[in-house]
Amino acid sequence: MPRPKRMNGDGSVRKRPDGRYEARVLLHDGRRISVYGKTAREVTREIRDIKSKDDAGQPIVRNEEKIGAFLETWLQNEIKRRRRAKTYASYAQMVRSHMLRELGAVKLTELTAKRVQVWLGHSSIQMTFDVYGHLFPNLEDDHAKLAAGELAIIGA
């Protein structure tokens, strides 16, 4: 029985010469994401998850991506294209002068509320949550994890 055709935008799946499967999908921002796995079902599931995050406007974070690379991409793809030149210049200066020095080499998946608290110099995680909690409305559901510093701010 022939395999059903995938819909436009669903990505593609192929078996590589090394025996692993590769799935590729094109995101709304023009990036092409490749995912590798042992089975076609595994890579299809992961591509479906990535595609649904992209459709919802959530950031697509790869395990190996560092905060520095993420922020530079954000500056170029979001701020430079959608804001005035002075806004871009001030954001770029803040990111490069303050954030990249301390957090640039940290993987996005390793960025926790506790790490942000220490970087900002807040005396408690509650202070960090009170100041920046509105940026992450779903964190209220995970307040216990947040208090323990175990909750990643940006997840994979």
C-alpha atoms as a PDB file:
ATOM      1  CA  MET A   1       0.000   0.000   0.000  1.00  0.00           C
ATOM      2  CA  PRO A   2       1.522   3.382  -0.998  1.00  0.00           C
ATOM      3  CA  ARG A   3       2.377   5.883   1.669  1.00  0.00           C
ATOM      4  CA  PRO A   4      -0.018   8.873   1.853  1.00  0.00           C
ATOM      5  CA  LYS A   5       1.290  12.159   0.441  1.00  0.00           C
ATOM      6  CA  ARG A   6       2.245  14.792   2.988  1.00  0.00           C
ATOM      7  CA  MET A   7       0.482  18.132   2.856  1.00  0.00           C
ATOM      8  CA  ASN A   8       2.284  21.309   1.778  1.00  0.00           C
ATOM      9  CA  GLY A   9       4.148  22.811   4.726  1.00  0.00           C
ATOM     10  CA  ASP A  10       4.268  19.527   6.653  1.00  0.00           C
ATOM     11  CA  GLY A  11       7.937  18.995   5.875  1.00  0.00           C
ATOM     12  CA  SER A  12       9.628  15.971   4.388  1.00  0.00           C
ATOM     13  CA  VAL A  13      10.928  12.694   5.802  1.00  0.00           C
ATOM     14  CA  ARG A  14      13.632  10.527   4.251  1.00  0.00           C
ATOM     15  CA  LYS A  15      15.868   7.617   5.171  1.00  0.00           C
ATOM     16  CA  ARG A  16      19.533   8.563   5.103  1.00  0.00           C
ATOM     17  CA  PRO A  17      22.333   6.299   3.829  1.00  0.00           C
ATOM     18  CA  ASP A  18      23.540   5.824   7.432  1.00  0.00           C
ATOM     19  CA  GLY A  19      20.139   4.254   8.336  1.00  0.00           C
ATOM     20  CA  ARG A  20      18.791   7.172  10.366  1.00  0.00           C
ATOM     21  CA  TYR A  21      15.732   9.146   9.355  1.00  0.00           C
ATOM     22  CA  GLU A  22      15.774  12.865   8.659  1.00  0.00           C
ATOM     23  CA  ALA A  23      12.792  15.195   8.684  1.00  0.00           C
ATOM     24  CA  ARG A  24      12.940  18.776   7.435  1.00  0.00           C
ATOM     25  CA  VAL A  25      10.480  21.601   7.763  1.00  0.00           C
ATOM     26  CA  LEU A  26      10.504  25.250   6.702  1.00  0.00           C
ATOM     27  CA  LEU A  27       9.505  27.690   9.451  1.00  0.00           C
ATOM     28  CA  HIS A  28       7.630  30.958   9.069  1.00  0.00           C
ATOM     29  CA  ASP A  29      10.833  32.980   9.550  1.00  0.00           C
ATOM     30  CA  GLY A  30      12.515  31.194   6.631  1.00  0.00           C
ATOM     31  CA  ARG A  31      14.730  28.872   8.692  1.00  0.00           C
ATOM     32  CA  ARG A  32      14.872  25.211   7.695  1.00  0.00           C
ATOM     33  CA  ILE A  33      14.981  22.800  10.625  1.00  0.00           C
ATOM     34  CA  SER A  34      16.314  19.252  10.296  1.00  0.00           C
ATOM     35  CA  VAL A  35      15.578  16.555  12.859  1.00  0.00           C
ATOM     36  CA  TYR A  36      17.259  13.145  13.001  1.00  0.00           C
ATOM     37  CA  GLY A  37      16.073   9.924  14.611  1.00  0.00           C
ATOM     38  CA  LYS A  38      15.927   6.145  14.488  1.00  0.00           C
ATOM     39  CA  THR A  39      12.411   5.875  13.022  1.00  0.00           C
ATOM     40  CA  ALA A  40      10.249   7.842  10.623  1.00  0.00           C
ATOM     41  CA  ARG A  41       7.521   8.039  13.270  1.00  0.00           C
ATOM     42  CA  GLU A  42       9.938   9.593  15.794  1.00  0.00           C
ATOM     43  CA  VAL A  43      11.112  12.370  13.448  1.00  0.00           C
ATOM     44  CA  THR A  44       7.574  12.998  12.179  1.00  0.00           C
ATOM     45  CA  ARG A  45       6.358  13.482  15.753  1.00  0.00           C
ATOM     46  CA  GLU A  46       9.200  15.910  16.514  1.00  0.00           C
ATOM     47  CA  ILE A  47       8.625  17.903  13.314  1.00  0.00           C
ATOM     48  CA  ARG A  48       4.905  18.083  14.134  1.00  0.00           C
ATOM     49  CA  ASP A  49       5.759  19.516  17.585  1.00  0.00           C
ATOM     50  CA  ILE A  50       8.150  22.061  16.067  1.00  0.00           C
ATOM     51  CA  LYS A  51       5.582  23.045  13.437  1.00  0.00           C
ATOM     52  CA  SER A  52       2.835  23.545  16.034  1.00  0.00           C
ATOM     53  CA  LYS A  53       5.144  25.761  18.135  1.00  0.00           C
ATOM     54  CA  ASP A  54       6.021  27.762  15.031  1.00  0.00           C
ATOM     55  CA  ASP A  55       2.338  28.137  14.107  1.00  0.00           C
ATOM     56  CA  ALA A  56       1.602  29.365  17.649  1.00  0.00           C
ATOM     57  CA  GLY A  57       4.389  31.952  17.405  1.00  0.00           C
ATOM     58  CA  GLN A  58       6.503  30.322  20.108  1.00  0.00           C
ATOM     59  CA  PRO A  59      10.292  30.383  19.741  1.00  0.00           C
ATOM     60  CA  ILE A  60      11.834  27.235  18.308  1.00  0.00           C
ATOM     61  CA  VAL A  61      14.737  26.345  20.569  1.00  0.00           C
ATOM     62  CA  ARG A  62      17.217  23.650  19.631  1.00  0.00           C
ATOM     63  CA  ASN A  63      19.083  21.953  22.483  1.00  0.00           C
ATOM     64  CA  GLU A  64      22.456  23.195  21.293  1.00  0.00           C
ATOM     65  CA  GLU A  65      21.392  26.813  20.695  1.00  0.00           C
ATOM     66  CA  LYS A  66      23.003  29.349  23.003  1.00  0.00           C
ATOM     67  CA  ILE A  67      21.468  32.565  24.320  1.00  0.00           C
ATOM     68  CA  GLY A  68      23.981  34.662  22.381  1.00  0.00           C
ATOM     69  CA  ALA A  69      23.015  33.171  19.010  1.00  0.00           C
ATOM     70  CA  PHE A  70      19.316  33.343  19.870  1.00  0.00           C
ATOM     71  CA  LEU A  71      19.519  37.038  20.819  1.00  0.00           C
ATOM     72  CA  GLU A  72      21.516  37.956  17.704  1.00  0.00           C
ATOM     73  CA  THR A  73      18.934  36.196  15.521  1.00  0.00           C
ATOM     74  CA  TRP A  74      16.126  37.933  17.428  1.00  0.00           C
ATOM     75  CA  LEU A  75      17.767  41.319  16.912  1.00  0.00           C
ATOM     76  CA  GLN A  76      18.202  40.738  13.177  1.00  0.00           C
ATOM     77  CA  ASN A  77      14.913  38.987  12.367  1.00  0.00           C
ATOM     78  CA  GLU A  78      12.511  40.727  14.723  1.00  0.00           C
ATOM     79  CA  ILE A  79      13.814  44.034  15.987  1.00  0.00           C
ATOM     80  CA  LYS A  80      15.757  45.311  12.974  1.00  0.00           C
ATOM     81  CA  ARG A  81      12.881  44.512  10.589  1.00  0.00           C
ATOM     82  CA  ARG A  82      10.002  45.736  12.764  1.00  0.00           C
ATOM     83  CA  ARG A  83      11.351  48.680  14.766  1.00  0.00           C
ATOM     84  CA  ARG A  84      12.949  52.015  14.029  1.00  0.00           C
ATOM     85  CA  ALA A  85      16.720  52.210  13.595  1.00  0.00           C
ATOM     86  CA  LYS A  86      17.229  53.961  16.957  1.00  0.00           C
ATOM     87  CA  THR A  87      15.214  51.273  18.758  1.00  0.00           C
ATOM     88  CA  TYR A  88      17.281  48.556  17.096  1.00  0.00           C
ATOM     89  CA  ALA A  89      20.519  50.348  18.014  1.00  0.00           C
ATOM     90  CA  SER A  90      19.539  50.717  21.676  1.00  0.00           C
ATOM     91  CA  TYR A  91      18.343  47.092  21.950  1.00  0.00           C
ATOM     92  CA  ALA A  92      21.521  45.835  20.268  1.00  0.00           C
ATOM     93  CA  GLN A  93      23.668  47.910  22.630  1.00  0.00           C
ATOM     94  CA  MET A  94      21.825  46.571  25.699  1.00  0.00           C
ATOM     95  CA  VAL A  95      22.020  42.968  24.520  1.00  0.00           C
ATOM     96  CA  ARG A  96      25.687  43.140  23.545  1.00  0.00           C
ATOM     97  CA  SER A  97      26.853  45.178  26.539  1.00  0.00           C
ATOM     98  CA  HIS A  98      24.911  43.501  29.311  1.00  0.00           C
ATOM     99  CA  MET A  99      23.356  40.182  28.354  1.00  0.00           C
ATOM    100  CA  LEU A 100      25.906  38.514  26.084  1.00  0.00           C
ATOM    101  CA  ARG A 101      28.793  39.009  28.486  1.00  0.00           C
ATOM    102  CA  GLU A 102      27.132  37.054  31.277  1.00  0.00           C
ATOM    103  CA  LEU A 103      24.624  34.801  29.519  1.00  0.00           C
ATOM    104  CA  GLY A 104      25.778  34.499  25.881  1.00  0.00           C
ATOM    105  CA  ALA A 105      27.440  31.096  26.256  1.00  0.00           C
ATOM    106  CA  VAL A 106      24.545  29.535  28.215  1.00  0.00           C
ATOM    107  CA  LYS A 107      22.319  27.098  26.351  1.00  0.00           C
ATOM    108  CA  LEU A 108      18.715  28.278  26.086  1.00  0.00           C
ATOM    109  CA  THR A 109      17.482  25.067  27.622  1.00  0.00           C
ATOM    110  CA  GLU A 110      19.691  25.723  30.664  1.00  0.00           C
ATOM    111  CA  LEU A 111      18.324  29.212  31.349  1.00  0.00           C
ATOM    112  CA  THR A 112      16.424  28.984  34.621  1.00  0.00           C
ATOM    113  CA  ALA A 113      14.598  31.551  36.694  1.00  0.00           C
ATOM    114  CA  LYS A 114      17.245  31.086  39.397  1.00  0.00           C
ATOM    115  CA  ARG A 115      20.024  31.927  36.932  1.00  0.00           C
ATOM    116  CA  VAL A 116      18.185  35.071  35.813  1.00  0.00           C
ATOM    117  CA  GLN A 117      17.673  36.038  39.465  1.00  0.00           C
ATOM    118  CA  VAL A 118      21.411  35.773  40.156  1.00  0.00           C
ATOM    119  CA  TRP A 119      22.297  37.646  36.942  1.00  0.00           C
ATOM    120  CA  LEU A 120      19.903  40.489  37.788  1.00  0.00           C
ATOM    121  CA  GLY A 121      21.162  40.625  41.358  1.00  0.00           C
ATOM    122  CA  HIS A 122      17.719  40.149  42.900  1.00  0.00           C
ATOM    123  CA  SER A 123      17.669  39.085  46.522  1.00  0.00           C
ATOM    124  CA  SER A 124      15.031  36.421  45.939  1.00  0.00           C
ATOM    125  CA  ILE A 125      13.344  34.474  43.178  1.00  0.00           C
ATOM    126  CA  GLN A 126      10.057  36.022  44.304  1.00  0.00           C
ATOM    127  CA  MET A 127      11.389  39.488  43.463  1.00  0.00           C
ATOM    128  CA  THR A 128      12.347  38.302  39.971  1.00  0.00           C
ATOM    129  CA  PHE A 129       8.907  36.754  39.540  1.00  0.00           C
ATOM    130  CA  ASP A 130       7.167  39.922  40.778  1.00  0.00           C
ATOM    131  CA  VAL A 131       9.099  42.123  38.334  1.00  0.00           C
ATOM    132  CA  TYR A 132       9.127  39.857  35.249  1.00  0.00           C
ATOM    133  CA  GLY A 133       6.343  37.345  35.889  1.00  0.00           C
ATOM    134  CA  HIS A 134       3.921  39.156  33.579  1.00  0.00           C
ATOM    135  CA  LEU A 135       6.176  38.227  30.653  1.00  0.00           C
ATOM    136  CA  PHE A 136       5.515  34.534  31.287  1.00  0.00           C
ATOM    137  CA  PRO A 137       1.836  34.155  32.237  1.00  0.00           C
ATOM    138  CA  ASN A 138       1.914  30.350  32.280  1.00  0.00           C
ATOM    139  CA  LEU A 139       4.621  30.383  34.970  1.00  0.00           C
ATOM    140  CA  GLU A 140       1.973  31.026  37.602  1.00  0.00           C
ATOM    141  CA  ASP A 141       0.871  27.412  37.187  1.00  0.00           C
ATOM    142  CA  ASP A 142       4.415  26.270  37.953  1.00  0.00           C
ATOM    143  CA  HIS A 143       5.094  28.611  40.859  1.00  0.00           C
ATOM    144  CA  ALA A 144       6.528  25.844  43.059  1.00  0.00           C
ATOM    145  CA  LYS A 145       9.092  24.912  40.410  1.00  0.00           C
ATOM    146  CA  LEU A 146       9.863  28.585  39.863  1.00  0.00           C
ATOM    147  CA  ALA A 147      10.507  29.092  43.562  1.00  0.00           C
ATOM    148  CA  ALA A 148      12.877  26.142  43.522  1.00  0.00           C
ATOM    149  CA  GLY A 149      14.715  27.600  40.508  1.00  0.00           C
ATOM    150  CA  GLU A 150      14.093  24.453  38.489  1.00  0.00           C
ATOM    151  CA  LEU A 151      11.820  25.910  35.809  1.00  0.00           C
ATOM    152  CA  ALA A 152      13.473  26.767  32.506  1.00  0.00           C
ATOM    153  CA  ILE A 153      12.306  30.164  31.247  1.00  0.00           C
ATOM    154  CA  ILE A 154      12.611  29.141  27.609  1.00  0.00           C
ATOM    155  CA  GLY A 155      12.101  25.419  27.011  1.00  0.00           C
ATOM    156  CA  ALA A 156      12.878  23.167  24.129  1.00  0.00           C
END
